[in-house]
């Protein structure tokens, strides 16, 4: 599966505000995501985990995670945050759309 990647503008703003080294790590993870998604033996480095129906998480770097959705036409990256921010988001069931 090699779907195109679509990224929410809020995620891009958060990426832009990161220090250069963290931004680079996260962007490299995003570059790997379309190729690795759906290939479990290859995506272990990204730490892709299913969170719900068509909602997944992957590692951006040591501290940050992306939430993305498997849409019919693309993988839509809807959130970037720390493990705690994502945990809170999931507890409140307020998935970014």
Foldseek 3Di string as FASTA:
>chain_A
DQAAEAEDVVVVVVLVPDPPVLSVLLVVLVVCVRVCPPPVVPQVVQVWDDDDDQWIWTHSDPFKIWIWGDDPRHIYTFDIDGPVVVVVCVVVVPDGD
